[in-house]
Amino acid sequence: MTVEDNIDPTAICQDITIQLDASGNASISTSDIDNGSADNCGIDNISSISPHSIVPTSDQTP
């Protein structure tokens, strides 16, 4: 028997707020942002790609 999965997985993420340490770094895990992602044949694992640098922005005006 061969199973062929032709249905794309659904990635559902949630917003999070993180706190930076004294060096300006923070860590998150995939469970911090997953909000019910699913796949027709089940999900073996959820992984993130290597660490990223982000540029913080603010919608507050001085």
PDB file of N, CA and C in Angstrom:
ATOM      1  N   MET A   1       0.841  -1.159   0.000  1.00  0.00           N
ATOM      2  CA  MET A   1       0.000   0.000   0.000  1.00  0.00           C
ATOM      3  C   MET A   1       0.893   1.231   0.000  1.00  0.00           C
ATOM      4  N   THR A   2       0.553   2.181  -0.834  1.00  0.00           N
ATOM      5  CA  THR A   2       1.263   3.456  -0.886  1.00  0.00           C
ATOM      6  C   THR A   2       0.277   4.570  -0.576  1.00  0.00           C
ATOM      7  N   VAL A   3       0.645   5.414   0.361  1.00  0.00           N
ATOM      8  CA  VAL A   3      -0.197   6.562   0.714  1.00  0.00           C
ATOM      9  C   VAL A   3       0.393   7.788   0.058  1.00  0.00           C
ATOM     10  N   GLU A   4      -0.434   8.523  -0.670  1.00  0.00           N
ATOM     11  CA  GLU A   4       0.006   9.748  -1.326  1.00  0.00           C
ATOM     12  C   GLU A   4      -0.760  10.923  -0.732  1.00  0.00           C
ATOM     13  N   ASP A   5      -0.038  11.828  -0.105  1.00  0.00           N
ATOM     14  CA  ASP A   5      -0.648  13.009   0.524  1.00  0.00           C
ATOM     15  C   ASP A   5      -0.591  14.167  -0.455  1.00  0.00           C
ATOM     16  N   ASN A   6      -1.716  14.529  -1.034  1.00  0.00           N
ATOM     17  CA  ASN A   6      -1.784  15.635  -1.997  1.00  0.00           C
ATOM     18  C   ASN A   6      -2.350  16.913  -1.399  1.00  0.00           C
ATOM     19  N   ILE A   7      -2.614  16.912  -0.113  1.00  0.00           N
ATOM     20  CA  ILE A   7      -3.193  18.082   0.544  1.00  0.00           C
ATOM     21  C   ILE A   7      -2.090  18.806   1.316  1.00  0.00           C
ATOM     22  N   ASP A   8      -1.922  20.095   1.026  1.00  0.00           N
ATOM     23  CA  ASP A   8      -0.897  20.890   1.710  1.00  0.00           C
ATOM     24  C   ASP A   8      -1.202  20.997   3.200  1.00  0.00           C
ATOM     25  N   PRO A   9      -0.160  21.031   4.034  1.00  0.00           N
ATOM     26  CA  PRO A   9      -0.378  21.266   5.467  1.00  0.00           C
ATOM     27  C   PRO A   9      -0.864  22.693   5.701  1.00  0.00           C
ATOM     28  N   THR A  10      -1.481  22.908   6.844  1.00  0.00           N
ATOM     29  CA  THR A  10      -1.961  24.234   7.223  1.00  0.00           C
ATOM     30  C   THR A  10      -1.121  24.735   8.393  1.00  0.00           C
ATOM     31  N   ALA A  11      -0.408  25.832   8.183  1.00  0.00           N
ATOM     32  CA  ALA A  11       0.390  26.440   9.253  1.00  0.00           C
ATOM     33  C   ALA A  11      -0.424  27.570   9.869  1.00  0.00           C
ATOM     34  N   ILE A  12      -0.712  27.438  11.154  1.00  0.00           N
ATOM     35  CA  ILE A  12      -1.462  28.464  11.877  1.00  0.00           C
ATOM     36  C   ILE A  12      -0.562  28.966  13.005  1.00  0.00           C
ATOM     37  N   CYS A  13      -0.238  30.241  12.954  1.00  0.00           N
ATOM     38  CA  CYS A  13       0.671  30.820  13.945  1.00  0.00           C
ATOM     39  C   CYS A  13      -0.050  31.848  14.799  1.00  0.00           C
ATOM     40  N   GLN A  14       0.510  32.114  15.954  1.00  0.00           N
ATOM     41  CA  GLN A  14      -0.039  33.133  16.838  1.00  0.00           C
ATOM     42  C   GLN A  14       1.018  34.194  17.116  1.00  0.00           C
ATOM     43  N   ASP A  15       0.554  35.400  17.377  1.00  0.00           N
ATOM     44  CA  ASP A  15       1.457  36.484  17.748  1.00  0.00           C
ATOM     45  C   ASP A  15       1.988  36.225  19.152  1.00  0.00           C
ATOM     46  N   ILE A  16       3.224  36.629  19.392  1.00  0.00           N
ATOM     47  CA  ILE A  16       3.799  36.531  20.728  1.00  0.00           C
ATOM     48  C   ILE A  16       4.547  37.817  21.040  1.00  0.00           C
ATOM     49  N   THR A  17       4.743  38.057  22.304  1.00  0.00           N
ATOM     50  CA  THR A  17       5.569  39.170  22.772  1.00  0.00           C
ATOM     51  C   THR A  17       6.753  38.557  23.506  1.00  0.00           C
ATOM     52  N   ILE A  18       7.950  39.002  23.173  1.00  0.00           N
ATOM     53  CA  ILE A  18       9.147  38.470  23.816  1.00  0.00           C
ATOM     54  C   ILE A  18       9.882  39.589  24.543  1.00  0.00           C
ATOM     55  N   GLN A  19      10.637  39.216  25.532  1.00  0.00           N
ATOM     56  CA  GLN A  19      11.475  40.151  26.267  1.00  0.00           C
ATOM     57  C   GLN A  19      12.923  39.914  25.862  1.00  0.00           C
ATOM     58  N   LEU A  20      13.637  40.984  25.571  1.00  0.00           N
ATOM     59  CA  LEU A  20      15.050  40.882  25.221  1.00  0.00           C
ATOM     60  C   LEU A  20      15.897  40.882  26.479  1.00  0.00           C
ATOM     61  N   ASP A  21      17.010  40.142  26.446  1.00  0.00           N
ATOM     62  CA  ASP A  21      17.924  40.161  27.573  1.00  0.00           C
ATOM     63  C   ASP A  21      18.816  41.400  27.485  1.00  0.00           C
ATOM     64  N   ALA A  22      19.763  41.528  28.397  1.00  0.00           N
ATOM     65  CA  ALA A  22      20.626  42.708  28.449  1.00  0.00           C
ATOM     66  C   ALA A  22      21.443  42.892  27.174  1.00  0.00           C
ATOM     67  N   SER A  23      21.676  41.809  26.448  1.00  0.00           N
ATOM     68  CA  SER A  23      22.434  41.893  25.195  1.00  0.00           C
ATOM     69  C   SER A  23      21.545  42.119  23.979  1.00  0.00           C
ATOM     70  N   GLY A  24      20.243  42.194  24.207  1.00  0.00           N
ATOM     71  CA  GLY A  24      19.317  42.403  23.096  1.00  0.00           C
ATOM     72  C   GLY A  24      18.907  41.128  22.392  1.00  0.00           C
ATOM     73  N   ASN A  25      19.097  39.984  23.050  1.00  0.00           N
ATOM     74  CA  ASN A  25      18.754  38.694  22.452  1.00  0.00           C
ATOM     75  C   ASN A  25      17.527  38.091  23.120  1.00  0.00           C
ATOM     76  N   ALA A  26      16.858  37.224  22.384  1.00  0.00           N
ATOM     77  CA  ALA A  26      15.727  36.472  22.924  1.00  0.00           C
ATOM     78  C   ALA A  26      15.640  35.154  22.178  1.00  0.00           C
ATOM     79  N   SER A  27      15.025  34.182  22.794  1.00  0.00           N
ATOM     80  CA  SER A  27      14.830  32.884  22.156  1.00  0.00           C
ATOM     81  C   SER A  27      13.358  32.511  22.211  1.00  0.00           C
ATOM     82  N   ILE A  28      12.887  31.877  21.144  1.00  0.00           N
ATOM     83  CA  ILE A  28      11.534  31.338  21.132  1.00  0.00           C
ATOM     84  C   ILE A  28      11.602  29.912  20.592  1.00  0.00           C
ATOM     85  N   SER A  29      10.587  29.133  20.892  1.00  0.00           N
ATOM     86  CA  SER A  29      10.506  27.777  20.356  1.00  0.00           C
ATOM     87  C   SER A  29       9.305  27.691  19.421  1.00  0.00           C
ATOM     88  N   THR A  30       9.239  26.624  18.668  1.00  0.00           N
ATOM     89  CA  THR A  30       8.116  26.463  17.741  1.00  0.00           C
ATOM     90  C   THR A  30       6.787  26.399  18.486  1.00  0.00           C
ATOM     91  N   SER A  31       6.785  25.843  19.701  1.00  0.00           N
ATOM     92  CA  SER A  31       5.538  25.767  20.460  1.00  0.00           C
ATOM     93  C   SER A  31       5.055  27.143  20.906  1.00  0.00           C
ATOM     94  N   ASP A  32       5.957  28.133  20.954  1.00  0.00           N
ATOM     95  CA  ASP A  32       5.561  29.499  21.309  1.00  0.00           C
ATOM     96  C   ASP A  32       4.687  30.136  20.235  1.00  0.00           C
ATOM     97  N   ILE A  33       4.876  29.732  18.977  1.00  0.00           N
ATOM     98  CA  ILE A  33       4.144  30.381  17.887  1.00  0.00           C
ATOM     99  C   ILE A  33       3.104  29.492  17.210  1.00  0.00           C
ATOM    100  N   ASP A  34       3.161  28.154  17.415  1.00  0.00           N
ATOM    101  CA  ASP A  34       2.186  27.259  16.791  1.00  0.00           C
ATOM    102  C   ASP A  34       0.825  27.440  17.450  1.00  0.00           C
ATOM    103  N   ASN A  35      -0.206  27.585  16.632  1.00  0.00           N
ATOM    104  CA  ASN A  35      -1.555  27.808  17.149  1.00  0.00           C
ATOM    105  C   ASN A  35      -2.541  26.835  16.500  1.00  0.00           C
ATOM    106  N   GLY A  36      -2.114  25.594  16.362  1.00  0.00           N
ATOM    107  CA  GLY A  36      -3.012  24.587  15.813  1.00  0.00           C
ATOM    108  C   GLY A  36      -2.704  24.169  14.391  1.00  0.00           C
ATOM    109  N   SER A  37      -1.444  24.240  13.983  1.00  0.00           N
ATOM    110  CA  SER A  37      -1.070  23.797  12.641  1.00  0.00           C
ATOM    111  C   SER A  37      -1.451  22.330  12.464  1.00  0.00           C
ATOM    112  N   ALA A  38      -1.780  21.946  11.220  1.00  0.00           N
ATOM    113  CA  ALA A  38      -2.248  20.580  10.984  1.00  0.00           C
ATOM    114  C   ALA A  38      -1.815  20.087   9.611  1.00  0.00           C
ATOM    115  N   ASP A  39      -1.809  18.771   9.477  1.00  0.00           N
ATOM    116  CA  ASP A  39      -1.531  18.131   8.198  1.00  0.00           C
ATOM    117  C   ASP A  39      -2.441  16.920   8.068  1.00  0.00           C
ATOM    118  N   ASN A  40      -2.840  16.611   6.859  1.00  0.00           N
ATOM    119  CA  ASN A  40      -3.753  15.509   6.581  1.00  0.00           C
ATOM    120  C   ASN A  40      -3.248  14.182   7.129  1.00  0.00           C
ATOM    121  N   CYS A  41      -1.960  13.940   7.071  1.00  0.00           N
ATOM    122  CA  CYS A  41      -1.379  12.671   7.538  1.00  0.00           C
ATOM    123  C   CYS A  41      -0.700  12.810   8.896  1.00  0.00           C
ATOM    124  N   GLY A  42      -0.900  13.910   9.579  1.00  0.00           N
ATOM    125  CA  GLY A  42      -0.262  14.135  10.867  1.00  0.00           C
ATOM    126  C   GLY A  42       1.061  14.852  10.710  1.00  0.00           C
ATOM    127  N   ILE A  43       1.497  15.504  11.758  1.00  0.00           N
ATOM    128  CA  ILE A  43       2.749  16.259  11.742  1.00  0.00           C
ATOM    129  C   ILE A  43       3.783  15.483  12.542  1.00  0.00           C
ATOM    130  N   ASP A  44       4.897  15.121  11.897  1.00  0.00           N
ATOM    131  CA  ASP A  44       5.972  14.424  12.598  1.00  0.00           C
ATOM    132  C   ASP A  44       6.673  15.350  13.575  1.00  0.00           C
ATOM    133  N   ASN A  45       7.030  16.544  13.108  1.00  0.00           N
ATOM    134  CA  ASN A  45       7.668  17.527  13.968  1.00  0.00           C
ATOM    135  C   ASN A  45       7.521  18.907  13.351  1.00  0.00           C
ATOM    136  N   ILE A  46       7.669  19.888  14.184  1.00  0.00           N
ATOM    137  CA  ILE A  46       7.675  21.284  13.742  1.00  0.00           C
ATOM    138  C   ILE A  46       9.027  21.840  14.135  1.00  0.00           C
ATOM    139  N   SER A  47       9.726  22.415  13.186  1.00  0.00           N
ATOM    140  CA  SER A  47      11.043  22.948  13.495  1.00  0.00           C
ATOM    141  C   SER A  47      11.182  24.338  12.913  1.00  0.00           C
ATOM    142  N   SER A  48      12.066  25.077  13.506  1.00  0.00           N
ATOM    143  CA  SER A  48      12.335  26.417  13.003  1.00  0.00           C
ATOM    144  C   SER A  48      13.636  26.388  12.218  1.00  0.00           C
ATOM    145  N   ILE A  49      13.800  27.354  11.383  1.00  0.00           N
ATOM    146  CA  ILE A  49      15.040  27.504  10.634  1.00  0.00           C
ATOM    147  C   ILE A  49      16.016  28.250  11.537  1.00  0.00           C
ATOM    148  N   SER A  50      17.273  28.222  11.233  1.00  0.00           N
ATOM    149  CA  SER A  50      18.318  28.820  12.055  1.00  0.00           C
ATOM    150  C   SER A  50      17.920  30.182  12.625  1.00  0.00           C
ATOM    151  N   PRO A  51      18.604  30.603  13.679  1.00  0.00           N
ATOM    152  CA  PRO A  51      18.272  31.903  14.305  1.00  0.00           C
ATOM    153  C   PRO A  51      18.265  33.049  13.300  1.00  0.00           C
ATOM    154  N   HIS A  52      17.391  33.983  13.549  1.00  0.00           N
ATOM    155  CA  HIS A  52      17.235  35.134  12.666  1.00  0.00           C
ATOM    156  C   HIS A  52      17.479  36.424  13.429  1.00  0.00           C
ATOM    157  N   SER A  53      17.924  37.413  12.715  1.00  0.00           N
ATOM    158  CA  SER A  53      18.002  38.755  13.267  1.00  0.00           C
ATOM    159  C   SER A  53      16.754  39.496  12.828  1.00  0.00           C
ATOM    160  N   ILE A  54      16.201  40.275  13.729  1.00  0.00           N
ATOM    161  CA  ILE A  54      15.031  41.072  13.385  1.00  0.00           C
ATOM    162  C   ILE A  54      15.318  42.536  13.656  1.00  0.00           C
ATOM    163  N   VAL A  55      14.595  43.376  13.000  1.00  0.00           N
ATOM    164  CA  VAL A  55      14.698  44.810  13.238  1.00  0.00           C
ATOM    165  C   VAL A  55      13.435  45.230  13.963  1.00  0.00           C
ATOM    166  N   PRO A  56      13.559  45.597  15.232  1.00  0.00           N
ATOM    167  CA  PRO A  56      12.362  46.006  15.971  1.00  0.00           C
ATOM    168  C   PRO A  56      11.765  47.287  15.399  1.00  0.00           C
ATOM    169  N   THR A  57      10.471  47.343  15.384  1.00  0.00           N
ATOM    170  CA  THR A  57       9.772  48.548  14.947  1.00  0.00           C
ATOM    171  C   THR A  57       8.759  48.938  16.009  1.00  0.00           C
ATOM    172  N   SER A  58       8.308  50.145  15.945  1.00  0.00           N
ATOM    173  CA  SER A  58       7.315  50.627  16.897  1.00  0.00           C
ATOM    174  C   SER A  58       6.310  51.492  16.171  1.00  0.00           C
ATOM    175  N   ASP A  59       5.061  51.374  16.578  1.00  0.00           N
ATOM    176  CA  ASP A  59       4.048  52.246  15.998  1.00  0.00           C
ATOM    177  C   ASP A  59       3.762  53.433  16.910  1.00  0.00           C
ATOM    178  N   GLN A  60       4.606  53.580  17.929  1.00  0.00           N
ATOM    179  CA  GLN A  60       4.452  54.704  18.839  1.00  0.00           C
ATOM    180  C   GLN A  60       5.274  55.886  18.345  1.00  0.00           C
ATOM    181  N   THR A  61       4.698  57.055  18.409  1.00  0.00           N
ATOM    182  CA  THR A  61       5.435  58.256  18.022  1.00  0.00           C
ATOM    183  C   THR A  61       5.903  58.976  19.279  1.00  0.00           C
ATOM    184  N   PRO A  62       7.082  59.580  19.203  1.00  0.00           N
ATOM    185  CA  PRO A  62       7.612  60.256  20.409  1.00  0.00           C
ATOM    186  C   PRO A  62       6.795  61.465  20.805  1.00  0.00           C
TER     187      PRO A  62
END
